Amino acid sequence: MKRAAFILGGSFLPVGWMLAAGGLGMVGHMAGHMIAVALAAPLLAYGLSGGRYDLAGRWPGLLSPMAMMLVELFTVWAWHLPALRALADRNMAAMVVEQGCFLMAGWMLWGVVFHAPQRAAGIGALLLTSMHMTLLGALIGLAPRPLYAHMQHSGGLSLDALADQQLGGVIMLMVGASSYFLGGLLLLASLLRDKGVGAA
């Protein structure tokens, strides 16, 4: 099961990176970003959990769910500042760093969350991540003017800059926020189930 999750997570990465680098504007960027943090990262983290590359298992005192939530928050919000987004859109090396940051932040957060002794704190971290993803997606989608007008639109999408930005915000809201929220609910259900079994 874990091996299959790892392989599936790894197979999502090239798809996300192609979308992010494909000249599809904010829609492509956000689709690639969400594939990295909401699909690939949890699958990779689950696939690696309990093994030698399980960071939370190796350094439980250093990596906590709330600390990794803050790392994820800083990473996501920083790379969506218009200046950094413009840099990543114009420069392939910067885009590689950006996508690597997204993947690492997501992998570290999900990896810590999957570490069984910290499930209760993990629930809070996932729900808070869902909240900040919702807020950022709403700010991007509801902004009255284009924040990312510099982004390239060479992939055939006939969207103006504001419509592209709005659709990108919707993708973050629908995929990013919902995946972390669902992850938190599933983790809560497993915690309650385990407590029920223990009480019985």
C-alpha atoms as a PDB file:
ATOM      1  CA  MET A   1       0.000   0.000   0.000  1.00  0.00           C
ATOM      2  CA  LYS A   2       2.727   2.463   0.961  1.00  0.00           C
ATOM      3  CA  ARG A   3       4.806   1.551  -2.068  1.00  0.00           C
ATOM      4  CA  ALA A   4       1.823   2.139  -4.350  1.00  0.00           C
ATOM      5  CA  ALA A   5       1.158   5.512  -2.694  1.00  0.00           C
ATOM      6  CA  PHE A   6       4.780   6.533  -3.188  1.00  0.00           C
ATOM      7  CA  ILE A   7       4.752   5.548  -6.866  1.00  0.00           C
ATOM      8  CA  LEU A   8       1.438   7.311  -7.464  1.00  0.00           C
ATOM      9  CA  GLY A   9       2.664  10.450  -5.709  1.00  0.00           C
ATOM     10  CA  GLY A  10       5.835  10.465  -7.777  1.00  0.00           C
ATOM     11  CA  SER A  11       3.837  10.056 -10.976  1.00  0.00           C
ATOM     12  CA  PHE A  12       1.853  13.219 -10.217  1.00  0.00           C
ATOM     13  CA  LEU A  13       4.956  15.398  -9.996  1.00  0.00           C
ATOM     14  CA  PRO A  14       5.884  15.638 -13.696  1.00  0.00           C
ATOM     15  CA  VAL A  15       2.267  16.446 -14.542  1.00  0.00           C
ATOM     16  CA  GLY A  16       2.226  19.302 -12.057  1.00  0.00           C
ATOM     17  CA  TRP A  17       5.589  20.616 -13.170  1.00  0.00           C
ATOM     18  CA  MET A  18       4.566  20.565 -16.835  1.00  0.00           C
ATOM     19  CA  LEU A  19       1.437  22.542 -16.015  1.00  0.00           C
ATOM     20  CA  ALA A  20       3.409  25.058 -13.948  1.00  0.00           C
ATOM     21  CA  ALA A  21       5.999  25.574 -16.687  1.00  0.00           C
ATOM     22  CA  GLY A  22       3.617  25.335 -19.632  1.00  0.00           C
ATOM     23  CA  GLY A  23       2.832  29.012 -20.134  1.00  0.00           C
ATOM     24  CA  LEU A  24      -0.718  28.602 -18.834  1.00  0.00           C
ATOM     25  CA  GLY A  25      -0.628  31.675 -16.635  1.00  0.00           C
ATOM     26  CA  MET A  26      -1.946  31.593 -13.096  1.00  0.00           C
ATOM     27  CA  VAL A  27      -4.196  28.642 -13.909  1.00  0.00           C
ATOM     28  CA  GLY A  28      -1.223  26.468 -14.851  1.00  0.00           C
ATOM     29  CA  HIS A  29       0.838  27.691 -11.923  1.00  0.00           C
ATOM     30  CA  MET A  30      -1.911  26.999  -9.414  1.00  0.00           C
ATOM     31  CA  ALA A  31      -2.721  23.604 -10.897  1.00  0.00           C
ATOM     32  CA  GLY A  32       0.943  22.618 -10.630  1.00  0.00           C
ATOM     33  CA  HIS A  33       1.179  23.985  -7.106  1.00  0.00           C
ATOM     34  CA  MET A  34      -1.916  22.103  -5.937  1.00  0.00           C
ATOM     35  CA  ILE A  35      -0.762  18.859  -7.535  1.00  0.00           C
ATOM     36  CA  ALA A  36       2.517  19.180  -5.617  1.00  0.00           C
ATOM     37  CA  VAL A  37       1.133  19.981  -2.162  1.00  0.00           C
ATOM     38  CA  ALA A  38      -2.340  18.418  -2.202  1.00  0.00           C
ATOM     39  CA  LEU A  39      -1.794  15.240  -4.238  1.00  0.00           C
ATOM     40  CA  ALA A  40       1.878  14.328  -4.588  1.00  0.00           C
ATOM     41  CA  ALA A  41       3.075  15.440  -1.136  1.00  0.00           C
ATOM     42  CA  PRO A  42       0.569  13.464   0.979  1.00  0.00           C
ATOM     43  CA  LEU A  43       1.028  10.343  -1.145  1.00  0.00           C
ATOM     44  CA  LEU A  44       4.815  10.590  -0.966  1.00  0.00           C
ATOM     45  CA  ALA A  45       4.705  11.300   2.766  1.00  0.00           C
ATOM     46  CA  TYR A  46       2.433   8.331   3.390  1.00  0.00           C
ATOM     47  CA  GLY A  47       4.606   6.123   1.227  1.00  0.00           C
ATOM     48  CA  LEU A  48       7.699   7.107   3.214  1.00  0.00           C
ATOM     49  CA  SER A  49       6.081   7.037   6.669  1.00  0.00           C
ATOM     50  CA  GLY A  50       7.661   4.609   9.087  1.00  0.00           C
ATOM     51  CA  GLY A  51      10.747   4.167   6.914  1.00  0.00           C
ATOM     52  CA  ARG A  52      14.245   5.596   6.885  1.00  0.00           C
ATOM     53  CA  TYR A  53      13.061   8.774   5.120  1.00  0.00           C
ATOM     54  CA  ASP A  54      10.292   9.482   7.605  1.00  0.00           C
ATOM     55  CA  LEU A  55      11.546  12.843   8.877  1.00  0.00           C
ATOM     56  CA  ALA A  56       9.092  13.032  11.766  1.00  0.00           C
ATOM     57  CA  GLY A  57      10.166   9.612  12.951  1.00  0.00           C
ATOM     58  CA  ARG A  58      13.839  10.531  12.782  1.00  0.00           C
ATOM     59  CA  TRP A  59      13.578  13.959  14.421  1.00  0.00           C
ATOM     60  CA  PRO A  60      10.367  13.961  16.494  1.00  0.00           C
ATOM     61  CA  GLY A  61      11.608  16.693  18.810  1.00  0.00           C
ATOM     62  CA  LEU A  62      12.512  19.029  15.968  1.00  0.00           C
ATOM     63  CA  LEU A  63       9.594  18.644  13.570  1.00  0.00           C
ATOM     64  CA  SER A  64       6.170  19.363  15.009  1.00  0.00           C
ATOM     65  CA  PRO A  65       2.891  19.703  13.091  1.00  0.00           C
ATOM     66  CA  MET A  66       2.425  23.348  14.050  1.00  0.00           C
ATOM     67  CA  ALA A  67       5.992  24.259  13.118  1.00  0.00           C
ATOM     68  CA  MET A  68       5.587  22.594   9.727  1.00  0.00           C
ATOM     69  CA  MET A  69       2.242  24.337   9.260  1.00  0.00           C
ATOM     70  CA  LEU A  70       4.049  27.654   9.710  1.00  0.00           C
ATOM     71  CA  VAL A  71       6.750  26.591   7.242  1.00  0.00           C
ATOM     72  CA  GLU A  72       4.025  25.715   4.729  1.00  0.00           C
ATOM     73  CA  LEU A  73       2.242  29.016   5.368  1.00  0.00           C
ATOM     74  CA  PHE A  74       5.393  31.084   4.881  1.00  0.00           C
ATOM     75  CA  THR A  75       6.401  29.139   1.765  1.00  0.00           C
ATOM     76  CA  VAL A  76       3.024  29.403   0.058  1.00  0.00           C
ATOM     77  CA  TRP A  77       2.374  33.051   0.881  1.00  0.00           C
ATOM     78  CA  ALA A  78       5.914  34.170   0.038  1.00  0.00           C
ATOM     79  CA  TRP A  79       5.923  32.539  -3.403  1.00  0.00           C
ATOM     80  CA  HIS A  80       2.584  34.167  -4.205  1.00  0.00           C
ATOM     81  CA  LEU A  81       3.889  37.661  -3.640  1.00  0.00           C
ATOM     82  CA  PRO A  82       3.669  39.269  -7.095  1.00  0.00           C
ATOM     83  CA  ALA A  83       7.415  39.991  -7.246  1.00  0.00           C
ATOM     84  CA  LEU A  84       8.458  36.411  -6.468  1.00  0.00           C
ATOM     85  CA  ARG A  85       5.739  35.002  -8.727  1.00  0.00           C
ATOM     86  CA  ALA A  86       7.053  37.195 -11.550  1.00  0.00           C
ATOM     87  CA  LEU A  87      10.604  35.979 -10.932  1.00  0.00           C
ATOM     88  CA  ALA A  88       9.543  32.330 -11.042  1.00  0.00           C
ATOM     89  CA  ASP A  89       7.499  32.925 -14.177  1.00  0.00           C
ATOM     90  CA  ARG A  90      10.413  34.532 -16.028  1.00  0.00           C
ATOM     91  CA  ASN A  91      13.280  32.396 -14.759  1.00  0.00           C
ATOM     92  CA  MET A  92      13.326  28.598 -15.009  1.00  0.00           C
ATOM     93  CA  ALA A  93      15.830  28.227 -12.163  1.00  0.00           C
ATOM     94  CA  ALA A  94      13.583  30.277  -9.885  1.00  0.00           C
ATOM     95  CA  MET A  95      10.604  28.154 -10.917  1.00  0.00           C
ATOM     96  CA  VAL A  96      12.510  24.983 -10.030  1.00  0.00           C
ATOM     97  CA  VAL A  97      13.287  26.445  -6.597  1.00  0.00           C
ATOM     98  CA  GLU A  98       9.657  27.519  -6.178  1.00  0.00           C
ATOM     99  CA  GLN A  99       8.247  24.108  -7.076  1.00  0.00           C
ATOM    100  CA  GLY A 100      10.857  22.407  -4.897  1.00  0.00           C
ATOM    101  CA  CYS A 101       9.855  24.606  -1.962  1.00  0.00           C
ATOM    102  CA  PHE A 102       6.185  23.754  -2.476  1.00  0.00           C
ATOM    103  CA  LEU A 103       6.926  20.031  -2.581  1.00  0.00           C
ATOM    104  CA  MET A 104       9.277  20.043   0.413  1.00  0.00           C
ATOM    105  CA  ALA A 105       6.958  22.146   2.572  1.00  0.00           C
ATOM    106  CA  GLY A 106       4.000  19.940   1.708  1.00  0.00           C
ATOM    107  CA  TRP A 107       5.945  16.715   2.192  1.00  0.00           C
ATOM    108  CA  MET A 108       7.281  17.821   5.579  1.00  0.00           C
ATOM    109  CA  LEU A 109       3.845  18.892   6.810  1.00  0.00           C
ATOM    110  CA  TRP A 110       2.075  15.738   5.663  1.00  0.00           C
ATOM    111  CA  GLY A 111       4.960  13.578   6.886  1.00  0.00           C
ATOM    112  CA  VAL A 112       4.746  14.993  10.403  1.00  0.00           C
ATOM    113  CA  VAL A 113       0.963  14.680  10.347  1.00  0.00           C
ATOM    114  CA  PHE A 114       1.173  10.984   9.425  1.00  0.00           C
ATOM    115  CA  HIS A 115       3.463  10.342  12.391  1.00  0.00           C
ATOM    116  CA  ALA A 116       1.066   8.509  14.716  1.00  0.00           C
ATOM    117  CA  PRO A 117       2.077  10.004  18.115  1.00  0.00           C
ATOM    118  CA  GLN A 118       1.294  13.506  16.826  1.00  0.00           C
ATOM    119  CA  ARG A 119      -2.078  12.891  15.203  1.00  0.00           C
ATOM    120  CA  ALA A 120      -4.025  15.271  17.456  1.00  0.00           C
ATOM    121  CA  ALA A 121      -1.650  18.142  16.715  1.00  0.00           C
ATOM    122  CA  GLY A 122      -1.636  17.069  13.073  1.00  0.00           C
ATOM    123  CA  ILE A 123      -5.385  17.581  12.857  1.00  0.00           C
ATOM    124  CA  GLY A 124      -4.999  21.167  14.017  1.00  0.00           C
ATOM    125  CA  ALA A 125      -2.118  21.777  11.613  1.00  0.00           C
ATOM    126  CA  LEU A 126      -4.093  20.495   8.620  1.00  0.00           C
ATOM    127  CA  LEU A 127      -7.187  22.501   9.514  1.00  0.00           C
ATOM    128  CA  LEU A 128      -5.140  25.677   9.983  1.00  0.00           C
ATOM    129  CA  THR A 129      -3.430  25.040   6.648  1.00  0.00           C
ATOM    130  CA  SER A 130      -6.847  24.660   5.045  1.00  0.00           C
ATOM    131  CA  MET A 131      -7.824  28.021   6.535  1.00  0.00           C
ATOM    132  CA  HIS A 132      -4.786  29.902   5.257  1.00  0.00           C
ATOM    133  CA  MET A 133      -5.139  28.276   1.819  1.00  0.00           C
ATOM    134  CA  THR A 134      -8.773  29.390   1.783  1.00  0.00           C
ATOM    135  CA  LEU A 135      -7.793  32.932   2.719  1.00  0.00           C
ATOM    136  CA  LEU A 136      -5.040  33.177   0.114  1.00  0.00           C
ATOM    137  CA  GLY A 137      -7.221  31.643  -2.585  1.00  0.00           C
ATOM    138  CA  ALA A 138      -9.986  34.111  -1.767  1.00  0.00           C
ATOM    139  CA  LEU A 139      -7.602  37.083  -1.782  1.00  0.00           C
ATOM    140  CA  ILE A 140      -6.214  36.052  -5.166  1.00  0.00           C
ATOM    141  CA  GLY A 141      -9.594  35.213  -6.663  1.00  0.00           C
ATOM    142  CA  LEU A 142     -11.433  38.276  -5.367  1.00  0.00           C
ATOM    143  CA  ALA A 143      -8.742  40.886  -5.977  1.00  0.00           C
ATOM    144  CA  PRO A 144     -10.269  43.744  -8.024  1.00  0.00           C
ATOM    145  CA  ARG A 145      -7.220  44.107 -10.261  1.00  0.00           C
ATOM    146  CA  PRO A 146      -4.642  41.743 -11.756  1.00  0.00           C
ATOM    147  CA  LEU A 147      -1.810  40.980  -9.346  1.00  0.00           C
ATOM    148  CA  TYR A 148      -0.018  38.715 -11.806  1.00  0.00           C
ATOM    149  CA  ALA A 149      -0.502  40.528 -15.115  1.00  0.00           C
ATOM    150  CA  HIS A 150       3.108  39.687 -16.022  1.00  0.00           C
ATOM    151  CA  MET A 151       2.425  35.959 -16.269  1.00  0.00           C
ATOM    152  CA  GLN A 152       2.799  34.296 -19.650  1.00  0.00           C
ATOM    153  CA  HIS A 153      -0.302  33.047 -21.431  1.00  0.00           C
ATOM    154  CA  SER A 154       1.151  31.079 -24.311  1.00  0.00           C
ATOM    155  CA  GLY A 155      -0.652  27.791 -23.737  1.00  0.00           C
ATOM    156  CA  GLY A 156      -3.796  28.544 -25.717  1.00  0.00           C
ATOM    157  CA  LEU A 157      -6.010  29.776 -22.872  1.00  0.00           C
ATOM    158  CA  SER A 158      -7.987  32.820 -23.989  1.00  0.00           C
ATOM    159  CA  LEU A 159      -8.219  34.443 -20.567  1.00  0.00           C
ATOM    160  CA  ASP A 160      -7.377  37.989 -19.645  1.00  0.00           C
ATOM    161  CA  ALA A 161      -5.091  38.520 -16.663  1.00  0.00           C
ATOM    162  CA  LEU A 162      -7.881  39.106 -14.149  1.00  0.00           C
ATOM    163  CA  ALA A 163      -9.953  36.105 -15.246  1.00  0.00           C
ATOM    164  CA  ASP A 164      -6.826  33.936 -15.177  1.00  0.00           C
ATOM    165  CA  GLN A 165      -6.063  35.115 -11.654  1.00  0.00           C
ATOM    166  CA  GLN A 166      -9.638  34.522 -10.512  1.00  0.00           C
ATOM    167  CA  LEU A 167      -9.633  30.981 -11.861  1.00  0.00           C
ATOM    168  CA  GLY A 168      -6.281  30.355 -10.184  1.00  0.00           C
ATOM    169  CA  GLY A 169      -7.756  31.463  -6.865  1.00  0.00           C
ATOM    170  CA  VAL A 170     -10.700  29.111  -7.360  1.00  0.00           C
ATOM    171  CA  ILE A 171      -8.312  26.201  -7.988  1.00  0.00           C
ATOM    172  CA  MET A 172      -6.509  26.956  -4.731  1.00  0.00           C
ATOM    173  CA  LEU A 173      -9.817  27.136  -2.876  1.00  0.00           C
ATOM    174  CA  MET A 174     -11.263  23.967  -4.354  1.00  0.00           C
ATOM    175  CA  VAL A 175      -8.205  21.724  -4.384  1.00  0.00           C
ATOM    176  CA  GLY A 176      -5.778  23.052  -1.794  1.00  0.00           C
ATOM    177  CA  ALA A 177      -8.103  24.092   0.995  1.00  0.00           C
ATOM    178  CA  SER A 178     -10.392  21.092   0.580  1.00  0.00           C
ATOM    179  CA  SER A 179      -7.555  18.535   0.543  1.00  0.00           C
ATOM    180  CA  TYR A 180      -6.129  19.757   3.853  1.00  0.00           C
ATOM    181  CA  PHE A 181      -9.598  19.986   5.366  1.00  0.00           C
ATOM    182  CA  LEU A 182     -10.437  16.458   4.230  1.00  0.00           C
ATOM    183  CA  GLY A 183      -7.079  15.227   5.516  1.00  0.00           C
ATOM    184  CA  GLY A 184      -7.821  16.752   8.916  1.00  0.00           C
ATOM    185  CA  LEU A 185     -11.261  15.137   9.033  1.00  0.00           C
ATOM    186  CA  LEU A 186      -9.896  11.713   8.066  1.00  0.00           C
ATOM    187  CA  LEU A 187      -7.184  12.003  10.691  1.00  0.00           C
ATOM    188  CA  LEU A 188      -9.776  12.989  13.284  1.00  0.00           C
ATOM    189  CA  ALA A 189     -11.941  10.010  12.331  1.00  0.00           C
ATOM    190  CA  SER A 190      -8.995   7.625  12.706  1.00  0.00           C
ATOM    191  CA  LEU A 191      -8.079   9.134  16.072  1.00  0.00           C
ATOM    192  CA  LEU A 192     -11.635   8.795  17.373  1.00  0.00           C
ATOM    193  CA  ARG A 193     -11.868   5.247  16.045  1.00  0.00           C
ATOM    194  CA  ASP A 194      -8.630   4.250  17.770  1.00  0.00           C
ATOM    195  CA  LYS A 195      -9.799   5.813  21.035  1.00  0.00           C
ATOM    196  CA  GLY A 196     -13.088   3.957  20.741  1.00  0.00           C
ATOM    197  CA  VAL A 197     -11.278   0.662  20.232  1.00  0.00           C
ATOM    198  CA  GLY A 198      -9.016   1.407  23.195  1.00  0.00           C
ATOM    199  CA  ALA A 199     -11.956   2.253  25.425  1.00  0.00           C
ATOM    200  CA  ALA A 200     -13.728  -0.961  24.451  1.00  0.00           C
END
